[in-house]
Amino acid sequence: SNRNSITSYADSVKGRFTISRDNAKNTVYLQMNSL
């Protein structure tokens, strides 16, 4: 939205998972820590 990324997480993964996107590569990532 307005060139800013807006994210949402399920409670079960908040603080452990991070979603991000690289528009130049048309790729979205999900970094999962403390699995």
PDB file of all heavy atoms in Angstrom:
ATOM      1  N   SER A   1       0.849  -1.171   0.000  1.00  0.00           N
ATOM      2  CA  SER A   1       0.000   0.000   0.000  1.00  0.00           C
ATOM      3  C   SER A   1       0.894   1.232   0.000  1.00  0.00           C
ATOM      4  O   SER A   1       1.742   1.375   0.882  1.00  0.00           O
ATOM      5  CB  SER A   1      -0.913   0.016   1.223  1.00  0.00           C
ATOM      6  OG  SER A   1      -1.665   1.206   1.279  1.00  0.00           O
ATOM      7  N   ASN A   2       0.687   2.093  -0.989  1.00  0.00           N
ATOM      8  CA  ASN A   2       1.512   3.300  -1.097  1.00  0.00           C
ATOM      9  C   ASN A   2       3.000   2.953  -1.045  1.00  0.00           C
ATOM     10  O   ASN A   2       3.775   3.610  -0.350  1.00  0.00           O
ATOM     11  CB  ASN A   2       1.162   4.297   0.004  1.00  0.00           C
ATOM     12  CG  ASN A   2      -0.240   4.833  -0.132  1.00  0.00           C
ATOM     13  OD1 ASN A   2      -0.742   5.026  -1.232  1.00  0.00           O
ATOM     14  ND2 ASN A   2      -0.884   5.053   1.002  1.00  0.00           N
ATOM     15  N   ARG A   3       3.365   1.893  -1.726  1.00  0.00           N
ATOM     16  CA  ARG A   3       4.747   1.435  -1.836  1.00  0.00           C
ATOM     17  C   ARG A   3       5.294   0.893  -0.521  1.00  0.00           C
ATOM     18  O   ARG A   3       6.480   0.597  -0.420  1.00  0.00           O
ATOM     19  CB  ARG A   3       5.662   2.541  -2.367  1.00  0.00           C
ATOM     20  CG  ARG A   3       5.266   3.050  -3.739  1.00  0.00           C
ATOM     21  CD  ARG A   3       6.244   4.057  -4.267  1.00  0.00           C
ATOM     22  NE  ARG A   3       5.851   4.553  -5.585  1.00  0.00           N
ATOM     23  CZ  ARG A   3       6.545   5.436  -6.279  1.00  0.00           C
ATOM     24  NH1 ARG A   3       7.661   5.925  -5.796  1.00  0.00           N
ATOM     25  NH2 ARG A   3       6.103   5.824  -7.464  1.00  0.00           N
ATOM     26  N   ASN A   4       4.462   0.772   0.495  1.00  0.00           N
ATOM     27  CA  ASN A   4       4.897   0.164   1.745  1.00  0.00           C
ATOM     28  C   ASN A   4       4.305  -1.228   1.883  1.00  0.00           C
ATOM     29  O   ASN A   4       3.170  -1.467   1.475  1.00  0.00           O
ATOM     30  CB  ASN A   4       4.459   1.018   2.937  1.00  0.00           C
ATOM     31  CG  ASN A   4       5.110   2.381   2.938  1.00  0.00           C
ATOM     32  OD1 ASN A   4       6.306   2.504   2.711  1.00  0.00           O
ATOM     33  ND2 ASN A   4       4.325   3.411   3.185  1.00  0.00           N
ATOM     34  N   SER A   5       5.068  -2.107   2.453  1.00  0.00           N
ATOM     35  CA  SER A   5       4.576  -3.462   2.681  1.00  0.00           C
ATOM     36  C   SER A   5       3.806  -3.525   3.995  1.00  0.00           C
ATOM     37  O   SER A   5       4.238  -2.972   5.002  1.00  0.00           O
ATOM     38  CB  SER A   5       5.739  -4.444   2.711  1.00  0.00           C
ATOM     39  OG  SER A   5       6.298  -4.588   1.428  1.00  0.00           O
ATOM     40  N   ILE A   6       2.685  -4.199   3.945  1.00  0.00           N
ATOM     41  CA  ILE A   6       1.870  -4.416   5.139  1.00  0.00           C
ATOM     42  C   ILE A   6       1.830  -5.909   5.382  1.00  0.00           C
ATOM     43  O   ILE A   6       1.593  -6.690   4.461  1.00  0.00           O
ATOM     44  CB  ILE A   6       0.450  -3.874   4.931  1.00  0.00           C
ATOM     45  CG1 ILE A   6       0.507  -2.383   4.575  1.00  0.00           C
ATOM     46  CG2 ILE A   6      -0.395  -4.095   6.177  1.00  0.00           C
ATOM     47  CD1 ILE A   6      -0.824  -1.810   4.167  1.00  0.00           C
ATOM     48  N   THR A   7       2.070  -6.305   6.612  1.00  0.00           N
ATOM     49  CA  THR A   7       2.157  -7.722   6.909  1.00  0.00           C
ATOM     50  C   THR A   7       1.180  -8.119   8.008  1.00  0.00           C
ATOM     51  O   THR A   7       0.729  -7.286   8.797  1.00  0.00           O
ATOM     52  CB  THR A   7       3.574  -8.106   7.350  1.00  0.00           C
ATOM     53  OG1 THR A   7       3.913  -7.359   8.535  1.00  0.00           O
ATOM     54  CG2 THR A   7       4.595  -7.775   6.272  1.00  0.00           C
ATOM     55  N   SER A   8       0.892  -9.400   8.043  1.00  0.00           N
ATOM     56  CA  SER A   8       0.022  -9.956   9.069  1.00  0.00           C
ATOM     57  C   SER A   8       0.531 -11.349   9.410  1.00  0.00           C
ATOM     58  O   SER A   8       1.046 -12.060   8.531  1.00  0.00           O
ATOM     59  CB  SER A   8      -1.419 -10.021   8.567  1.00  0.00           C
ATOM     60  OG  SER A   8      -2.268 -10.574   9.553  1.00  0.00           O
ATOM     61  N   TYR A   9       0.408 -11.723  10.686  1.00  0.00           N
ATOM     62  CA  TYR A   9       0.906 -13.010  11.143  1.00  0.00           C
ATOM     63  C   TYR A   9      -0.125 -13.721  12.003  1.00  0.00           C
ATOM     64  O   TYR A   9      -0.867 -13.085  12.757  1.00  0.00           O
ATOM     65  CB  TYR A   9       2.189 -12.843  11.963  1.00  0.00           C
ATOM     66  CG  TYR A   9       3.340 -12.261  11.203  1.00  0.00           C
ATOM     67  CD1 TYR A   9       3.571 -10.892  11.179  1.00  0.00           C
ATOM     68  CD2 TYR A   9       4.213 -13.082  10.496  1.00  0.00           C
ATOM     69  CE1 TYR A   9       4.637 -10.349  10.469  1.00  0.00           C
ATOM     70  CE2 TYR A   9       5.276 -12.554   9.791  1.00  0.00           C
ATOM     71  CZ  TYR A   9       5.476 -11.189   9.788  1.00  0.00           C
ATOM     72  OH  TYR A   9       6.536 -10.665   9.087  1.00  0.00           O
ATOM     73  N   ALA A  10      -0.112 -15.037  11.922  1.00  0.00           N
ATOM     74  CA  ALA A  10      -0.885 -15.819  12.882  1.00  0.00           C
ATOM     75  C   ALA A  10      -0.210 -15.728  14.243  1.00  0.00           C
ATOM     76  O   ALA A  10       1.017 -15.586  14.336  1.00  0.00           O
ATOM     77  CB  ALA A  10      -0.947 -17.282  12.413  1.00  0.00           C
ATOM     78  N   ASP A  11      -1.000 -15.803  15.298  1.00  0.00           N
ATOM     79  CA  ASP A  11      -0.439 -15.690  16.648  1.00  0.00           C
ATOM     80  C   ASP A  11       0.621 -16.756  16.908  1.00  0.00           C
ATOM     81  O   ASP A  11       1.587 -16.512  17.629  1.00  0.00           O
ATOM     82  CB  ASP A  11      -1.552 -15.812  17.690  1.00  0.00           C
ATOM     83  CG  ASP A  11      -2.449 -14.591  17.728  1.00  0.00           C
ATOM     84  OD1 ASP A  11      -2.044 -13.521  17.203  1.00  0.00           O
ATOM     85  OD2 ASP A  11      -3.555 -14.693  18.283  1.00  0.00           O
ATOM     86  N   SER A  12       0.450 -17.910  16.328  1.00  0.00           N
ATOM     87  CA  SER A  12       1.349 -19.029  16.600  1.00  0.00           C
ATOM     88  C   SER A  12       2.762 -18.805  16.052  1.00  0.00           C
ATOM     89  O   SER A  12       3.693 -19.508  16.467  1.00  0.00           O
ATOM     90  CB  SER A  12       0.778 -20.320  16.001  1.00  0.00           C
ATOM     91  OG  SER A  12       0.590 -20.180  14.605  1.00  0.00           O
ATOM     92  N   VAL A  13       2.927 -17.850  15.155  1.00  0.00           N
ATOM     93  CA  VAL A  13       4.254 -17.631  14.558  1.00  0.00           C
ATOM     94  C   VAL A  13       4.800 -16.224  14.812  1.00  0.00           C
ATOM     95  O   VAL A  13       5.940 -15.923  14.420  1.00  0.00           O
ATOM     96  CB  VAL A  13       4.241 -17.910  13.043  1.00  0.00           C
ATOM     97  CG1 VAL A  13       3.725 -19.309  12.756  1.00  0.00           C
ATOM     98  CG2 VAL A  13       3.455 -16.866  12.289  1.00  0.00           C
ATOM     99  N   LYS A  14       4.011 -15.373  15.438  1.00  0.00           N
ATOM    100  CA  LYS A  14       4.478 -14.008  15.700  1.00  0.00           C
ATOM    101  C   LYS A  14       5.756 -14.020  16.506  1.00  0.00           C
ATOM    102  O   LYS A  14       5.902 -14.748  17.477  1.00  0.00           O
ATOM    103  CB  LYS A  14       3.403 -13.222  16.461  1.00  0.00           C
ATOM    104  CG  LYS A  14       2.297 -12.674  15.588  1.00  0.00           C
ATOM    105  CD  LYS A  14       1.292 -11.887  16.415  1.00  0.00           C
ATOM    106  CE  LYS A  14       0.170 -11.366  15.533  1.00  0.00           C
ATOM    107  NZ  LYS A  14      -0.876 -10.681  16.325  1.00  0.00           N
ATOM    108  N   GLY A  15       6.703 -13.201  16.085  1.00  0.00           N
ATOM    109  CA  GLY A  15       7.978 -13.120  16.772  1.00  0.00           C
ATOM    110  C   GLY A  15       8.991 -14.156  16.314  1.00  0.00           C
ATOM    111  O   GLY A  15      10.171 -14.058  16.652  1.00  0.00           O
ATOM    112  N   ARG A  16       8.535 -15.144  15.548  1.00  0.00           N
ATOM    113  CA  ARG A  16       9.454 -16.191  15.065  1.00  0.00           C
ATOM    114  C   ARG A  16       9.583 -16.165  13.545  1.00  0.00           C
ATOM    115  O   ARG A  16      10.653 -16.458  13.010  1.00  0.00           O
ATOM    116  CB  ARG A  16       8.961 -17.577  15.500  1.00  0.00           C
ATOM    117  CG  ARG A  16       8.860 -17.760  16.984  1.00  0.00           C
ATOM    118  CD  ARG A  16       8.557 -19.217  17.349  1.00  0.00           C
ATOM    119  NE  ARG A  16       7.290 -19.671  16.814  1.00  0.00           N
ATOM    120  CZ  ARG A  16       7.153 -20.735  16.017  1.00  0.00           C
ATOM    121  NH1 ARG A  16       8.207 -21.434  15.644  1.00  0.00           N
ATOM    122  NH2 ARG A  16       5.955 -21.099  15.591  1.00  0.00           N
ATOM    123  N   PHE A  17       8.506 -15.835  12.849  1.00  0.00           N
ATOM    124  CA  PHE A  17       8.501 -15.829  11.386  1.00  0.00           C
ATOM    125  C   PHE A  17       8.459 -14.385  10.888  1.00  0.00           C
ATOM    126  O   PHE A  17       7.822 -13.517  11.508  1.00  0.00           O
ATOM    127  CB  PHE A  17       7.286 -16.566  10.834  1.00  0.00           C
ATOM    128  CG  PHE A  17       7.271 -18.052  11.038  1.00  0.00           C
ATOM    129  CD1 PHE A  17       8.190 -18.679  11.871  1.00  0.00           C
ATOM    130  CD2 PHE A  17       6.333 -18.839  10.394  1.00  0.00           C
ATOM    131  CE1 PHE A  17       8.175 -20.055  12.054  1.00  0.00           C
ATOM    132  CE2 PHE A  17       6.293 -20.210  10.563  1.00  0.00           C
ATOM    133  CZ  PHE A  17       7.226 -20.818  11.405  1.00  0.00           C
ATOM    134  N   THR A  18       9.110 -14.164   9.764  1.00  0.00           N
ATOM    135  CA  THR A  18       9.090 -12.845   9.130  1.00  0.00           C
ATOM    136  C   THR A  18       8.836 -13.016   7.637  1.00  0.00           C
ATOM    137  O   THR A  18       9.550 -13.766   6.962  1.00  0.00           O
ATOM    138  CB  THR A  18      10.420 -12.108   9.337  1.00  0.00           C
ATOM    139  OG1 THR A  18      10.679 -11.980  10.733  1.00  0.00           O
ATOM    140  CG2 THR A  18      10.369 -10.718   8.717  1.00  0.00           C
ATOM    141  N   ILE A  19       7.842 -12.300   7.139  1.00  0.00           N
ATOM    142  CA  ILE A  19       7.543 -12.327   5.714  1.00  0.00           C
ATOM    143  C   ILE A  19       8.092 -11.064   5.070  1.00  0.00           C
ATOM    144  O   ILE A  19       8.078  -9.987   5.675  1.00  0.00           O
ATOM    145  CB  ILE A  19       6.013 -12.457   5.477  1.00  0.00           C
ATOM    146  CG1 ILE A  19       5.716 -12.772   4.016  1.00  0.00           C
ATOM    147  CG2 ILE A  19       5.271 -11.210   5.942  1.00  0.00           C
ATOM    148  CD1 ILE A  19       4.236 -13.149   3.772  1.00  0.00           C
ATOM    149  N   SER A  20       8.593 -11.211   3.861  1.00  0.00           N
ATOM    150  CA  SER A  20       9.116 -10.057   3.135  1.00  0.00           C
ATOM    151  C   SER A  20       8.971 -10.308   1.636  1.00  0.00           C
ATOM    152  O   SER A  20       8.710 -11.432   1.215  1.00  0.00           O
ATOM    153  CB  SER A  20      10.586  -9.805   3.487  1.00  0.00           C
ATOM    154  OG  SER A  20      11.380 -10.927   3.115  1.00  0.00           O
ATOM    155  N   ARG A  21       9.102  -9.251   0.860  1.00  0.00           N
ATOM    156  CA  ARG A  21       8.991  -9.430  -0.587  1.00  0.00           C
ATOM    157  C   ARG A  21      10.052  -8.615  -1.300  1.00  0.00           C
ATOM    158  O   ARG A  21      10.434  -7.534  -0.835  1.00  0.00           O
ATOM    159  CB  ARG A  21       7.588  -9.073  -1.081  1.00  0.00           C
ATOM    160  CG  ARG A  21       7.219  -7.611  -1.080  1.00  0.00           C
ATOM    161  CD  ARG A  21       5.699  -7.411  -1.246  1.00  0.00           C
ATOM    162  NE  ARG A  21       5.190  -8.029  -2.454  1.00  0.00           N
ATOM    163  CZ  ARG A  21       3.881  -8.175  -2.707  1.00  0.00           C
ATOM    164  NH1 ARG A  21       2.994  -7.755  -1.831  1.00  0.00           N
ATOM    165  NH2 ARG A  21       3.481  -8.738  -3.823  1.00  0.00           N
ATOM    166  N   ASP A  22      10.511  -9.155  -2.422  1.00  0.00           N
ATOM    167  CA  ASP A  22      11.439  -8.466  -3.292  1.00  0.00           C
ATOM    168  C   ASP A  22      10.699  -8.285  -4.615  1.00  0.00           C
ATOM    169  O   ASP A  22      10.610  -9.226  -5.408  1.00  0.00           O
ATOM    170  CB  ASP A  22      12.712  -9.298  -3.472  1.00  0.00           C
ATOM    171  CG  ASP A  22      13.761  -8.596  -4.317  1.00  0.00           C
ATOM    172  OD1 ASP A  22      13.394  -7.707  -5.122  1.00  0.00           O
ATOM    173  OD2 ASP A  22      14.931  -8.946  -4.194  1.00  0.00           O
ATOM    174  N   ASN A  23      10.145  -7.096  -4.823  1.00  0.00           N
ATOM    175  CA  ASN A  23       9.324  -6.879  -6.009  1.00  0.00           C
ATOM    176  C   ASN A  23      10.134  -6.989  -7.293  1.00  0.00           C
ATOM    177  O   ASN A  23       9.601  -7.388  -8.324  1.00  0.00           O
ATOM    178  CB  ASN A  23       8.629  -5.521  -5.942  1.00  0.00           C
ATOM    179  CG  ASN A  23       7.470  -5.525  -4.963  1.00  0.00           C
ATOM    180  OD1 ASN A  23       6.897  -6.590  -4.675  1.00  0.00           O
ATOM    181  ND2 ASN A  23       7.129  -4.368  -4.439  1.00  0.00           N
ATOM    182  N   ALA A  24      11.410  -6.632  -7.238  1.00  0.00           N
ATOM    183  CA  ALA A  24      12.245  -6.723  -8.430  1.00  0.00           C
ATOM    184  C   ALA A  24      12.375  -8.169  -8.884  1.00  0.00           C
ATOM    185  O   ALA A  24      12.512  -8.448 -10.077  1.00  0.00           O
ATOM    186  CB  ALA A  24      13.613  -6.124  -8.159  1.00  0.00           C
ATOM    187  N   LYS A  25      12.340  -9.089  -7.933  1.00  0.00           N
ATOM    188  CA  LYS A  25      12.460 -10.515  -8.253  1.00  0.00           C
ATOM    189  C   LYS A  25      11.108 -11.220  -8.250  1.00  0.00           C
ATOM    190  O   LYS A  25      11.035 -12.426  -8.481  1.00  0.00           O
ATOM    191  CB  LYS A  25      13.389 -11.215  -7.261  1.00  0.00           C
ATOM    192  CG  LYS A  25      14.820 -10.723  -7.304  1.00  0.00           C
ATOM    193  CD  LYS A  25      15.689 -11.493  -6.306  1.00  0.00           C
ATOM    194  CE  LYS A  25      17.145 -11.035  -6.382  1.00  0.00           C
ATOM    195  NZ  LYS A  25      18.005 -11.766  -5.408  1.00  0.00           N
ATOM    196  N   ASN A  26      10.043 -10.472  -7.950  1.00  0.00           N
ATOM    197  CA  ASN A  26       8.714 -11.081  -7.829  1.00  0.00           C
ATOM    198  C   ASN A  26       8.736 -12.287  -6.908  1.00  0.00           C
ATOM    199  O   ASN A  26       8.152 -13.343  -7.201  1.00  0.00           O
ATOM    200  CB  ASN A  26       8.178 -11.487  -9.201  1.00  0.00           C
ATOM    201  CG  ASN A  26       7.459 -10.343  -9.889  1.00  0.00           C
ATOM    202  OD1 ASN A  26       7.307  -9.261  -9.335  1.00  0.00           O
ATOM    203  ND2 ASN A  26       7.023 -10.588 -11.106  1.00  0.00           N
ATOM    204  N   THR A  27       9.386 -12.129  -5.785  1.00  0.00           N
ATOM    205  CA  THR A  27       9.559 -13.235  -4.847  1.00  0.00           C
ATOM    206  C   THR A  27       9.183 -12.784  -3.445  1.00  0.00           C
ATOM    207  O   THR A  27       9.519 -11.671  -3.034  1.00  0.00           O
ATOM    208  CB  THR A  27      10.996 -13.751  -4.869  1.00  0.00           C
ATOM    209  OG1 THR A  27      11.309 -14.214  -6.192  1.00  0.00           O
ATOM    210  CG2 THR A  27      11.173 -14.909  -3.894  1.00  0.00           C
ATOM    211  N   VAL A  28       8.478 -13.649  -2.750  1.00  0.00           N
ATOM    212  CA  VAL A  28       8.131 -13.416  -1.348  1.00  0.00           C
ATOM    213  C   VAL A  28       8.844 -14.469  -0.516  1.00  0.00           C
ATOM    214  O   VAL A  28       8.916 -15.641  -0.903  1.00  0.00           O
ATOM    215  CB  VAL A  28       6.611 -13.486  -1.143  1.00  0.00           C
ATOM    216  CG1 VAL A  28       6.261 -13.454   0.336  1.00  0.00           C
ATOM    217  CG2 VAL A  28       5.934 -12.331  -1.865  1.00  0.00           C
ATOM    218  N   TYR A  29       9.372 -14.047   0.611  1.00  0.00           N
ATOM    219  CA  TYR A  29      10.129 -14.936   1.485  1.00  0.00           C
ATOM    220  C   TYR A  29       9.409 -15.100   2.818  1.00  0.00           C
ATOM    221  O   TYR A  29       8.735 -14.188   3.299  1.00  0.00           O
ATOM    222  CB  TYR A  29      11.521 -14.377   1.734  1.00  0.00           C
ATOM    223  CG  TYR A  29      12.307 -14.114   0.479  1.00  0.00           C
ATOM    224  CD1 TYR A  29      12.375 -12.830  -0.068  1.00  0.00           C
ATOM    225  CD2 TYR A  29      12.956 -15.147  -0.180  1.00  0.00           C
ATOM    226  CE1 TYR A  29      13.085 -12.585  -1.223  1.00  0.00           C
ATOM    227  CE2 TYR A  29      13.674 -14.909  -1.347  1.00  0.00           C
ATOM    228  CZ  TYR A  29      13.731 -13.626  -1.861  1.00  0.00           C
ATOM    229  OH  TYR A  29      14.436 -13.392  -3.023  1.00  0.00           O
ATOM    230  N   LEU A  30       9.610 -16.259   3.414  1.00  0.00           N
ATOM    231  CA  LEU A  30       9.144 -16.489   4.779  1.00  0.00           C
ATOM    232  C   LEU A  30      10.344 -16.997   5.571  1.00  0.00           C
ATOM    233  O   LEU A  30      10.772 -18.144   5.397  1.00  0.00           O
ATOM    234  CB  LEU A  30       7.998 -17.497   4.812  1.00  0.00           C
ATOM    235  CG  LEU A  30       7.384 -17.707   6.202  1.00  0.00           C
ATOM    236  CD1 LEU A  30       6.634 -16.447   6.652  1.00  0.00           C
ATOM    237  CD2 LEU A  30       6.433 -18.904   6.203  1.00  0.00           C
ATOM    238  N   GLN A  31      10.902 -16.116   6.378  1.00  0.00           N
ATOM    239  CA  GLN A  31      12.012 -16.496   7.245  1.00  0.00           C
ATOM    240  C   GLN A  31      11.433 -17.094   8.516  1.00  0.00           C
ATOM    241  O   GLN A  31      10.671 -16.423   9.226  1.00  0.00           O
ATOM    242  CB  GLN A  31      12.878 -15.275   7.580  1.00  0.00           C
ATOM    243  CG  GLN A  31      14.021 -15.574   8.529  1.00  0.00           C
ATOM    244  CD  GLN A  31      15.066 -16.479   7.918  1.00  0.00           C
ATOM    245  OE1 GLN A  31      15.449 -16.307   6.759  1.00  0.00           O
ATOM    246  NE2 GLN A  31      15.543 -17.447   8.690  1.00  0.00           N
ATOM    247  N   MET A  32      11.792 -18.326   8.795  1.00  0.00           N
ATOM    248  CA  MET A  32      11.243 -19.041   9.949  1.00  0.00           C
ATOM    249  C   MET A  32      12.373 -19.348  10.927  1.00  0.00           C
ATOM    250  O   MET A  32      13.302 -20.088  10.578  1.00  0.00           O
ATOM    251  CB  MET A  32      10.560 -20.332   9.490  1.00  0.00           C
ATOM    252  CG  MET A  32       9.514 -20.115   8.404  1.00  0.00           C
ATOM    253  SD  MET A  32       8.594 -21.610   7.988  1.00  0.00           S
ATOM    254  CE  MET A  32       9.903 -22.633   7.324  1.00  0.00           C
ATOM    255  N   ASN A  33      12.294 -18.761  12.100  1.00  0.00           N
ATOM    256  CA  ASN A  33      13.298 -18.970  13.137  1.00  0.00           C
ATOM    257  C   ASN A  33      12.678 -19.676  14.330  1.00  0.00           C
ATOM    258  O   ASN A  33      11.458 -19.728  14.469  1.00  0.00           O
ATOM    259  CB  ASN A  33      13.884 -17.632  13.579  1.00  0.00           C
ATOM    260  CG  ASN A  33      14.590 -16.902  12.459  1.00  0.00           C
ATOM    261  OD1 ASN A  33      15.149 -17.503  11.548  1.00  0.00           O
ATOM    262  ND2 ASN A  33      14.569 -15.567  12.521  1.00  0.00           N
ATOM    263  N   SER A  34      13.520 -20.199  15.198  1.00  0.00           N
ATOM    264  CA  SER A  34      13.053 -20.873  16.420  1.00  0.00           C
ATOM    265  C   SER A  34      11.968 -21.899  16.090  1.00  0.00           C
ATOM    266  O   SER A  34      10.920 -21.951  16.740  1.00  0.00           O
ATOM    267  CB  SER A  34      12.524 -19.839  17.423  1.00  0.00           C
ATOM    268  OG  SER A  34      13.522 -18.905  17.734  1.00  0.00           O
ATOM    269  N   LEU A  35      12.246 -22.704  15.105  1.00  0.00           N
ATOM    270  CA  LEU A  35      11.235 -23.658  14.652  1.00  0.00           C
ATOM    271  C   LEU A  35      10.941 -24.708  15.708  1.00  0.00           C
ATOM    272  O   LEU A  35      11.824 -25.122  16.477  1.00  0.00           O
ATOM    273  CB  LEU A  35      11.692 -24.318  13.352  1.00  0.00           C
ATOM    274  CG  LEU A  35      11.528 -23.434  12.102  1.00  0.00           C
ATOM    275  CD1 LEU A  35      12.369 -23.930  10.956  1.00  0.00           C
ATOM    276  CD2 LEU A  35      10.054 -23.362  11.713  1.00  0.00           C
TER     277      LEU A  35
END
